[in-house]
C-alpha atoms as a PDB file:
ATOM      1  CA  MET A   1      35.824  38.324  42.186  1.00  0.00           C
ATOM      2  CA  HIS A   2      36.995  38.361  38.616  1.00  0.00           C
ATOM      3  CA  LYS A   3      35.960  40.815  35.980  1.00  0.00           C
ATOM      4  CA  PHE A   4      34.887  39.681  32.856  1.00  0.00           C
ATOM      5  CA  ARG A   5      36.013  41.254  29.740  1.00  0.00           C
ATOM      6  CA  LYS A   6      34.105  41.516  26.293  1.00  0.00           C
ATOM      7  CA  LYS A   7      36.548  41.061  23.525  1.00  0.00           C
ATOM      8  CA  GLY A   8      35.476  43.647  21.026  1.00  0.00           C
ATOM      9  CA  GLY A   9      35.257  42.873  17.186  1.00  0.00           C
ATOM     10  CA  LYS A  10      34.718  39.108  17.696  1.00  0.00           C
ATOM     11  CA  GLU A  11      34.601  37.437  14.262  1.00  0.00           C
ATOM     12  CA  LEU A  12      32.140  34.807  13.203  1.00  0.00           C
ATOM     13  CA  THR A  13      33.913  31.408  12.119  1.00  0.00           C
ATOM     14  CA  PRO A  14      33.058  30.407   8.569  1.00  0.00           C
ATOM     15  CA  ILE A  15      30.391  27.499   7.855  1.00  0.00           C
ATOM     16  CA  SER A  16      32.158  24.316   7.013  1.00  0.00           C
ATOM     17  CA  THR A  17      31.330  23.148   3.490  1.00  0.00           C
ATOM     18  CA  ALA A  18      33.102  20.022   3.801  1.00  0.00           C
ATOM     19  CA  SER A  19      29.678  17.902   4.602  1.00  0.00           C
ATOM     20  CA  LEU A  20      27.758  19.627   1.803  1.00  0.00           C
ATOM     21  CA  PRO A  21      28.724  16.882  -1.077  1.00  0.00           C
ATOM     22  CA  ASP A  22      27.333  14.311   1.371  1.00  0.00           C
ATOM     23  CA  VAL A  23      23.956  16.355   2.003  1.00  0.00           C
ATOM     24  CA  VAL A  24      23.292  16.928  -1.529  1.00  0.00           C
ATOM     25  CA  PHE A  25      24.043  13.060  -2.256  1.00  0.00           C
ATOM     26  CA  MET A  26      21.454  12.085   0.522  1.00  0.00           C
ATOM     27  CA  LEU A  27      18.681  14.384  -0.988  1.00  0.00           C
ATOM     28  CA  LEU A  28      19.352  12.956  -4.484  1.00  0.00           C
ATOM     29  CA  PHE A  29      19.056   9.370  -3.180  1.00  0.00           C
ATOM     30  CA  PHE A  30      16.017  10.379  -1.153  1.00  0.00           C
ATOM     31  CA  PHE A  31      14.153  11.670  -4.147  1.00  0.00           C
ATOM     32  CA  MET A  32      15.292   8.880  -6.148  1.00  0.00           C
ATOM     33  CA  VAL A  33      13.908   6.270  -3.815  1.00  0.00           C
ATOM     34  CA  SER A  34      10.728   8.081  -2.996  1.00  0.00           C
ATOM     35  CA  THR A  35       9.634   9.033  -6.736  1.00  0.00           C
ATOM     36  CA  THR A  36       7.440   6.691  -8.537  1.00  0.00           C
ATOM     37  CA  MET A  37       7.029   6.407 -12.117  1.00  0.00           C
ATOM     38  CA  ARG A  38       3.987   5.636 -13.802  1.00  0.00           C
ATOM     39  CA  GLU A  39       4.090   2.094 -15.752  1.00  0.00           C
ATOM     40  CA  VAL A  40       1.474   0.918 -17.711  1.00  0.00           C
ATOM     41  CA  SER A  41       0.936  -2.599 -18.575  1.00  0.00           C
ATOM     42  CA  TYR A  42      -0.751  -2.808 -21.809  1.00  0.00           C
ATOM     43  CA  LYS A  43      -3.318  -5.217 -22.103  1.00  0.00           C
ATOM     44  CA  VAL A  44      -4.431  -4.672 -25.709  1.00  0.00           C
ATOM     45  CA  HIS A  45      -2.418  -3.817 -28.972  1.00  0.00           C
ATOM     46  CA  ILE A  46      -2.171  -0.211 -30.081  1.00  0.00           C
ATOM     47  CA  ARG A  47      -0.786   1.382 -33.123  1.00  0.00           C
ATOM     48  CA  LEU A  48       0.539   4.901 -32.674  1.00  0.00           C
ATOM     49  CA  PRO A  49      -0.318   7.423 -35.174  1.00  0.00           C
ATOM     50  CA  GLN A  50       2.378   9.374 -37.082  1.00  0.00           C
ATOM     51  CA  ALA A  51       2.286  13.002 -35.682  1.00  0.00           C
ATOM     52  CA  THR A  52       2.041  16.143 -37.787  1.00  0.00           C
ATOM     53  CA  GLU A  53       1.975  18.574 -35.032  1.00  0.00           C
ATOM     54  CA  LEU A  54       3.026  18.274 -31.599  1.00  0.00           C
ATOM     55  CA  SER A  55       2.480  20.347 -28.458  1.00  0.00           C
ATOM     56  CA  LYS A  56       4.389  20.078 -25.095  1.00  0.00           C
ATOM     57  CA  LEU A  57       2.204  19.023 -22.024  1.00  0.00           C
ATOM     58  CA  GLU A  58       2.581  21.205 -19.121  1.00  0.00           C
ATOM     59  CA  LYS A  59       1.635  18.707 -16.506  1.00  0.00           C
ATOM     60  CA  LYS A  60       1.845  14.999 -17.477  1.00  0.00           C
ATOM     61  CA  SER A  61      -0.296  13.989 -14.299  1.00  0.00           C
ATOM     62  CA  LEU A  62      -3.393  15.807 -15.598  1.00  0.00           C
ATOM     63  CA  VAL A  63      -3.596  13.018 -18.660  1.00  0.00           C
ATOM     64  CA  SER A  64      -5.980  10.085 -18.491  1.00  0.00           C
ATOM     65  CA  TYR A  65      -5.642   7.444 -20.793  1.00  0.00           C
ATOM     66  CA  ILE A  66      -8.132   5.291 -22.503  1.00  0.00           C
ATOM     67  CA  TYR A  67      -6.546   2.432 -24.698  1.00  0.00           C
ATOM     68  CA  VAL A  68      -8.628   0.557 -27.452  1.00  0.00           C
ATOM     69  CA  GLY A  69      -7.360  -2.821 -29.425  1.00  0.00           C
ATOM     70  CA  GLU A  70      -7.186  -6.519 -29.672  1.00  0.00           C
ATOM     71  CA  PRO A  71      -6.342  -8.078 -26.491  1.00  0.00           C
ATOM     72  CA  LEU A  72      -2.731  -9.408 -25.923  1.00  0.00           C
ATOM     73  CA  LEU A  73      -2.291 -13.247 -26.434  1.00  0.00           C
ATOM     74  CA  GLN A  74      -2.320 -13.923 -22.748  1.00  0.00           C
ATOM     75  CA  TYR A  75      -5.843 -12.290 -22.692  1.00  0.00           C
ATOM     76  CA  GLN A  76      -7.444 -13.822 -25.983  1.00  0.00           C
ATOM     77  CA  LYS A  77      -8.458 -16.906 -24.182  1.00  0.00           C
ATOM     78  CA  THR A  78     -10.659 -14.904 -21.769  1.00  0.00           C
ATOM     79  CA  PHE A  79     -11.710 -11.942 -23.728  1.00  0.00           C
ATOM     80  CA  GLY A  80     -11.639 -13.218 -27.565  1.00  0.00           C
ATOM     81  CA  ILE A  81      -9.844 -11.360 -30.352  1.00  0.00           C
ATOM     82  CA  ALA A  82     -12.449  -8.566 -30.726  1.00  0.00           C
ATOM     83  CA  PRO A  83     -11.299  -4.967 -29.958  1.00  0.00           C
ATOM     84  CA  ARG A  84     -11.612  -4.317 -26.400  1.00  0.00           C
ATOM     85  CA  ILE A  85     -11.310  -1.053 -24.276  1.00  0.00           C
ATOM     86  CA  GLN A  86      -8.568  -0.852 -21.168  1.00  0.00           C
ATOM     87  CA  LEU A  87      -9.297   1.816 -18.719  1.00  0.00           C
ATOM     88  CA  ASN A  88      -6.164   2.148 -16.476  1.00  0.00           C
ATOM     89  CA  ASP A  89      -5.315  -1.618 -15.816  1.00  0.00           C
ATOM     90  CA  GLN A  90      -8.778  -3.134 -16.274  1.00  0.00           C
ATOM     91  CA  PHE A  91     -10.660  -3.968 -19.373  1.00  0.00           C
ATOM     92  CA  ALA A  92     -14.117  -2.073 -19.612  1.00  0.00           C
ATOM     93  CA  ASN A  93     -17.302  -1.851 -21.660  1.00  0.00           C
ATOM     94  CA  VAL A  94     -17.987   1.255 -23.624  1.00  0.00           C
ATOM     95  CA  GLY A  95     -20.584   2.399 -20.991  1.00  0.00           C
ATOM     96  CA  ASP A  96     -17.870   2.419 -18.494  1.00  0.00           C
ATOM     97  CA  ILE A  97     -16.058   5.299 -20.272  1.00  0.00           C
ATOM     98  CA  GLN A  98     -18.369   8.136 -19.122  1.00  0.00           C
ATOM     99  CA  ASP A  99     -17.974   6.899 -15.495  1.00  0.00           C
ATOM    100  CA  TYR A 100     -14.150   6.692 -15.774  1.00  0.00           C
ATOM    101  CA  VAL A 101     -13.912  10.111 -17.277  1.00  0.00           C
ATOM    102  CA  ILE A 102     -16.119  11.655 -14.510  1.00  0.00           C
ATOM    103  CA  ALA A 103     -14.330   9.748 -11.849  1.00  0.00           C
ATOM    104  CA  GLU A 104     -10.868  11.075 -13.225  1.00  0.00           C
ATOM    105  CA  ARG A 105     -12.359  14.793 -13.309  1.00  0.00           C
ATOM    106  CA  GLU A 106     -13.610  14.580  -9.682  1.00  0.00           C
ATOM    107  CA  ALA A 107     -10.437  13.162  -8.568  1.00  0.00           C
ATOM    108  CA  ARG A 108      -8.536  16.509  -9.505  1.00  0.00           C
ATOM    109  CA  ASP A 109      -8.636  19.846  -7.824  1.00  0.00           C
ATOM    110  CA  GLU A 110     -11.060  22.318  -9.142  1.00  0.00           C
ATOM    111  CA  ALA A 111      -8.239  24.269 -10.640  1.00  0.00           C
ATOM    112  CA  GLU A 112      -6.899  21.544 -12.525  1.00  0.00           C
ATOM    113  CA  ARG A 113     -10.064  20.190 -13.956  1.00  0.00           C
ATOM    114  CA  PRO A 114     -10.209  22.618 -17.175  1.00  0.00           C
ATOM    115  CA  LEU A 115      -6.688  21.323 -17.788  1.00  0.00           C
ATOM    116  CA  MET A 116      -7.251  17.685 -17.991  1.00  0.00           C
ATOM    117  CA  ILE A 117      -6.754  15.883 -21.074  1.00  0.00           C
ATOM    118  CA  THR A 118      -8.015  12.338 -22.020  1.00  0.00           C
ATOM    119  CA  SER A 119      -5.674  10.752 -24.472  1.00  0.00           C
ATOM    120  CA  LEU A 120      -7.235   7.809 -26.646  1.00  0.00           C
ATOM    121  CA  LYS A 121      -4.664   5.427 -27.955  1.00  0.00           C
ATOM    122  CA  VAL A 122      -6.186   3.121 -30.626  1.00  0.00           C
END
């Protein structure tokens, strides 16, 4: 029978980093594909005010937008030229604003509710 010998002081082989750039680019590609950017299709004309004071938002996902203005040309046949209210991507009435704000607030976590901001673009 053979005796097995243990070689003392066996060194660990270094980890190969040759495939590291491939892994980094795969992760980058994954996050670029899976991330969705919020795109708003305006249905009303809005005039943005000139800012006198700015503050950076911590989390832009906590902002709900309400747009008020005249409908775009493609919607004027249906809704007329009087100023209208747009909540998300739909026209709404003044009475719908309270329900919209409550629904947006209820959709947030309990900790995020005090941080929620409603932005009016008129």
